[in-house]
């Protein structure tokens, strides 16, 4: 046997670090991936924007039209049931007298404006002048207003007159305001504006329902049902 020591250096089990197999590290769970971003289609964005604007217009138009809707709703009931409130008594007043000489323009003609102003100041005649006329020696002026009417007949030679005033009460005045009869041009304009507001409120309310996908079908069904009932009622009323 040789007395030489064994060769120094690493054995197979003691290889340098470069030859050692790497120690596996414990595996970590993979981080969850973020959910995909759902983008709203451009058409839906436009629909949402239109719906917001319609809702805003509908709300504030309804606030403006609230009193108008209440007025025409209540007066509509009074149209069908005039005796429910304050009755429907009509008061008629007859007055006779003589016009002043200052209304003359000549022996057989008068100034109708002067006659009308005298009657307004002397007897409190109201309403708007609907017509005036003179046939031979007899003149006439007619006045109308909500729940009110007056007429005067006078002789242009003697200047004697007969005035008839007809007051139909509060209910009939409200009825005339509702229907727009004998109310004058100003109130006719008010009715036109109120009608535009009511149509606008109805159209924007329908538009809001149609732009909501979940309510669109039911809204259309209700619309069709209401239209059918209304058409049937109109038909049976007219026939």
Protein backbone atom coordinates (compact mmCIF):
# COMPACT_ATOMS: atom_id res chain seq x y z
CA UNK A 1 0.00 0.00 0.00
CA UNK A 2 1.13 3.48 -0.68
CA UNK A 3 1.67 5.79 2.20
CA UNK A 4 0.70 8.85 0.04
CA UNK A 5 -2.31 10.80 1.31
CA UNK A 6 -5.42 10.80 -0.84
CA UNK A 7 -5.61 13.63 -3.31
CA UNK A 8 -7.02 16.79 -1.82
CA UNK A 9 -10.03 18.45 -3.38
CA UNK A 10 -13.73 17.98 -3.43
CA UNK A 11 -15.21 14.63 -3.86
CA UNK A 12 -18.26 13.92 -6.08
CA UNK A 13 -20.61 14.72 -3.22
CA UNK A 14 -18.67 17.85 -2.41
CA UNK A 15 -18.63 19.58 -5.81
CA UNK A 16 -18.21 23.32 -5.89
CA UNK A 17 -21.35 25.46 -5.72
CA UNK A 18 -21.46 25.74 -9.48
CA UNK A 19 -22.03 22.03 -9.73
CA UNK A 20 -24.70 21.80 -6.98
CA UNK A 21 -28.32 21.42 -8.19
CA UNK A 22 -30.34 24.56 -7.18
CA UNK A 23 -32.67 24.13 -4.27
CA UNK A 24 -36.21 24.67 -5.54
CA UNK A 25 -37.97 27.69 -3.91
CA UNK A 26 -41.57 27.30 -2.74
CA UNK A 27 -44.02 28.28 -5.54
CA UNK A 28 -46.26 31.37 -4.95
CA UNK A 29 -49.88 31.56 -6.21
CA UNK A 30 -50.23 33.57 -9.42
CA UNK A 31 -51.77 37.03 -9.01
CA UNK A 32 -55.35 37.19 -10.37
CA UNK A 33 -55.60 39.00 -13.67
CA UNK A 34 -57.72 42.20 -13.63
CA UNK A 35 -61.20 41.86 -15.08
CA UNK A 36 -61.55 43.11 -18.61
CA UNK A 37 -62.68 46.74 -18.89
CA UNK A 38 -66.18 46.91 -20.29
CA UNK A 39 -66.52 49.90 -22.54
CA UNK A 40 -69.91 51.46 -23.11
CA UNK A 41 -70.79 51.51 -26.80
CA UNK A 42 -70.94 55.05 -28.27
CA UNK A 43 -74.62 54.65 -29.12
CA UNK A 44 -75.45 53.79 -25.52
CA UNK A 45 -73.50 56.79 -24.27
CA UNK A 46 -75.53 59.02 -26.55
CA UNK A 47 -78.78 57.42 -25.36
CA UNK A 48 -77.81 57.97 -21.71
CA UNK A 49 -76.98 61.60 -22.39
CA UNK A 50 -80.27 62.18 -24.20
CA UNK A 51 -82.14 60.48 -21.37
CA UNK A 52 -80.53 62.73 -18.76
CA UNK A 53 -81.47 65.82 -20.73
CA UNK A 54 -85.03 64.57 -21.24
CA UNK A 55 -85.39 63.82 -17.55
CA UNK A 56 -84.15 67.31 -16.67
CA UNK A 57 -86.49 68.98 -19.16
CA UNK A 58 -89.42 66.79 -18.10
CA UNK A 59 -88.99 67.59 -14.39
CA UNK A 60 -88.72 71.35 -14.75
CA UNK A 61 -91.37 71.62 -17.43
CA UNK A 62 -93.69 69.68 -15.10
CA UNK A 63 -92.98 72.16 -12.31
CA UNK A 64 -93.81 75.09 -14.59
CA UNK A 65 -96.96 73.39 -15.90
CA UNK A 66 -98.12 72.14 -12.47
CA UNK A 67 -100.58 75.00 -11.80
CA UNK A 68 -101.80 74.91 -15.39
CA UNK A 69 -102.54 71.18 -15.14
CA UNK A 70 -104.30 71.66 -11.81
CA UNK A 71 -106.38 74.57 -13.15
CA UNK A 72 -107.57 72.78 -16.26
CA UNK A 73 -108.16 69.58 -14.29
CA UNK A 74 -110.37 71.29 -11.69
CA UNK A 75 -112.24 73.47 -14.19
CA UNK A 76 -112.77 70.40 -16.37
CA UNK A 77 -114.65 68.80 -13.49
CA UNK A 78 -116.70 71.99 -13.06
CA UNK A 79 -117.62 71.83 -16.74
CA UNK A 80 -119.35 68.50 -16.15
CA UNK A 81 -120.74 69.34 -12.69
CA UNK A 82 -121.46 73.09 -12.51
CA UNK A 83 -123.69 72.73 -9.41
CA UNK A 84 -120.98 71.19 -7.23
CA UNK A 85 -119.48 74.55 -6.28
CA UNK A 86 -121.24 77.87 -5.68
CA UNK A 87 -124.17 76.84 -7.86
CA UNK A 88 -124.88 78.14 -11.33
CA UNK A 89 -127.28 81.01 -10.63
CA UNK A 90 -127.48 83.70 -13.29
CA UNK A 91 -128.15 87.33 -12.31
CA UNK A 92 -129.65 89.62 -14.97
CA UNK A 93 -129.85 93.39 -14.52
CA UNK A 94 -131.86 95.84 -16.69
CA UNK A 95 -130.96 99.52 -16.69
CA UNK A 96 -132.54 102.42 -18.60
CA UNK A 97 -131.19 105.92 -19.02
CA UNK A 98 -130.07 108.67 -21.38
CA UNK A 99 -126.64 109.17 -22.89
CA UNK A 100 -124.94 112.57 -22.54
CA UNK A 101 -124.94 114.96 -25.48
CA UNK A 102 -121.15 114.71 -25.66
CA UNK A 103 -121.40 111.34 -27.44
CA UNK A 104 -122.93 112.92 -30.55
CA UNK A 105 -120.94 113.56 -33.71
CA UNK A 106 -123.99 114.98 -35.53
CA UNK A 107 -127.76 114.79 -35.28
CA UNK A 108 -127.96 111.16 -36.41
CA UNK A 109 -124.57 109.72 -35.47
CA UNK A 110 -122.72 109.01 -32.25
CA UNK A 111 -119.16 108.16 -31.27
CA UNK A 112 -119.36 104.49 -30.19
CA UNK A 113 -116.17 104.72 -28.16
CA UNK A 114 -117.61 107.62 -26.16
CA UNK A 115 -120.84 105.64 -25.59
CA UNK A 116 -118.89 102.60 -24.39
CA UNK A 117 -116.67 104.62 -22.04
CA UNK A 118 -119.74 106.30 -20.54
CA UNK A 119 -121.41 102.95 -19.84
CA UNK A 120 -118.22 101.56 -18.28
CA UNK A 121 -117.79 104.52 -15.96
CA UNK A 122 -121.48 104.94 -15.12
CA UNK A 123 -122.59 101.31 -14.76
CA UNK A 124 -119.33 99.34 -14.45
CA UNK A 125 -119.82 97.47 -17.71
CA UNK A 126 -116.99 94.97 -18.21
CA UNK A 127 -115.85 92.50 -20.81
CA UNK A 128 -114.55 93.13 -24.30
CA UNK A 129 -116.56 94.73 -27.08
CA UNK A 130 -117.45 91.94 -29.50
CA UNK A 131 -119.47 94.01 -31.95
CA UNK A 132 -121.19 97.35 -32.41
CA UNK A 133 -123.56 98.53 -35.11
CA UNK A 134 -126.01 101.22 -36.14
CA UNK A 135 -129.11 100.54 -38.22
CA UNK A 136 -131.05 103.69 -39.06
CA UNK A 137 -131.54 105.49 -35.74
CA UNK A 138 -130.77 102.53 -33.46
CA UNK A 139 -127.29 101.67 -32.25
CA UNK A 140 -126.06 98.68 -30.28
CA UNK A 141 -122.92 97.47 -28.48
CA UNK A 142 -122.30 93.97 -27.14
CA UNK A 143 -119.77 92.95 -24.46
CA UNK A 144 -118.61 89.49 -23.43
CA UNK A 145 -116.27 88.08 -20.80
CA UNK A 146 -115.79 84.90 -18.75
CA UNK A 147 -119.19 84.24 -17.18
CA UNK A 148 -120.34 87.70 -18.22
CA UNK A 149 -122.30 89.41 -20.96
CA UNK A 150 -123.79 92.85 -21.54
CA UNK A 151 -125.64 94.55 -24.37
CA UNK A 152 -126.95 98.05 -24.88
CA UNK A 153 -129.49 99.38 -27.36
CA UNK A 154 -129.86 103.13 -27.80
CA UNK A 155 -131.61 105.67 -29.97
CA UNK A 156 -129.18 108.02 -31.71
CA UNK A 157 -131.76 110.80 -31.88
CA UNK A 158 -133.15 110.83 -28.34
CA UNK A 159 -130.00 109.17 -26.80
CA UNK A 160 -132.18 106.95 -24.59
CA UNK A 161 -130.72 103.48 -23.94
CA UNK A 162 -131.55 100.10 -22.47
CA UNK A 163 -128.68 98.17 -20.89
CA UNK A 164 -128.83 94.47 -20.03
CA UNK A 165 -126.08 92.92 -17.87
CA UNK A 166 -125.90 89.15 -17.45
CA UNK A 167 -123.62 87.73 -14.71
CA UNK A 168 -123.35 83.94 -14.70
CA UNK A 169 -121.34 83.40 -11.52
CA UNK A 170 -117.97 81.97 -10.56
CA UNK A 171 -118.47 78.45 -11.92
CA UNK A 172 -119.50 79.63 -15.37
CA UNK A 173 -116.61 82.09 -15.41
CA UNK A 174 -114.20 79.20 -14.71
CA UNK A 175 -115.95 77.17 -17.40
CA UNK A 176 -115.36 79.92 -19.95
CA UNK A 177 -111.71 80.18 -18.92
CA UNK A 178 -111.33 76.44 -19.40
CA UNK A 179 -112.93 76.41 -22.85
CA UNK A 180 -111.46 79.75 -23.93
CA UNK A 181 -114.85 81.15 -24.94
CA UNK A 182 -115.46 84.90 -24.49
CA UNK A 183 -112.06 85.33 -22.84
CA UNK A 184 -110.23 87.64 -25.22
CA UNK A 185 -106.92 87.40 -27.06
CA UNK A 186 -104.68 87.47 -23.98
CA UNK A 187 -106.25 84.39 -22.40
CA UNK A 188 -106.22 82.62 -25.77
CA UNK A 189 -102.45 83.10 -25.82
CA UNK A 190 -102.25 81.69 -22.27
CA UNK A 191 -104.15 78.59 -23.41
CA UNK A 192 -101.80 78.15 -26.38
CA UNK A 193 -98.71 78.35 -24.13
CA UNK A 194 -100.26 75.95 -21.61
CA UNK A 195 -101.09 73.48 -24.38
CA UNK A 196 -97.50 73.56 -25.64
CA UNK A 197 -96.23 72.85 -22.12
CA UNK A 198 -98.60 69.91 -21.68
CA UNK A 199 -97.57 68.39 -25.01
CA UNK A 200 -93.90 68.90 -24.14
CA UNK A 201 -94.30 67.20 -20.75
CA UNK A 202 -96.08 64.24 -22.38
CA UNK A 203 -93.48 63.83 -25.13
CA UNK A 204 -90.48 64.04 -22.79
CA UNK A 205 -92.11 61.57 -20.40
CA UNK A 206 -92.64 59.12 -23.25
CA UNK A 207 -89.09 59.67 -24.47
CA UNK A 208 -87.67 58.83 -21.04
CA UNK A 209 -89.56 55.53 -21.00
CA UNK A 210 -88.51 54.59 -24.53
CA UNK A 211 -84.83 55.19 -23.78
CA UNK A 212 -84.95 52.79 -20.80
CA UNK A 213 -84.54 49.29 -22.26
CA UNK A 214 -86.12 47.54 -19.28
CA UNK A 215 -89.27 49.67 -19.44
CA UNK A 216 -89.53 50.20 -23.18
CA UNK A 217 -91.77 47.23 -23.91
CA UNK A 218 -94.17 47.85 -21.03
CA UNK A 219 -94.29 51.57 -21.87
CA UNK A 220 -95.27 50.81 -25.46
CA UNK A 221 -97.92 48.35 -24.29
CA UNK A 222 -99.42 50.94 -21.93
CA UNK A 223 -99.28 53.54 -24.69
CA UNK A 224 -101.06 51.27 -27.14
CA UNK A 225 -103.69 50.34 -24.54
CA UNK A 226 -104.36 53.96 -23.60
CA UNK A 227 -104.58 55.01 -27.24
CA UNK A 228 -107.03 52.20 -27.99
CA UNK A 229 -109.26 53.09 -25.02
CA UNK A 230 -109.23 56.79 -25.91
CA UNK A 231 -110.07 56.10 -29.55
CA UNK A 232 -112.91 53.77 -28.50
CA UNK A 233 -114.38 56.38 -26.13
CA UNK A 234 -114.24 59.06 -28.82
CA UNK A 235 -115.86 56.71 -31.32
CA UNK A 236 -118.74 55.68 -29.05
CA UNK A 237 -119.29 59.33 -28.04
CA UNK A 238 -119.52 60.54 -31.62
CA UNK A 239 -121.59 57.67 -32.96
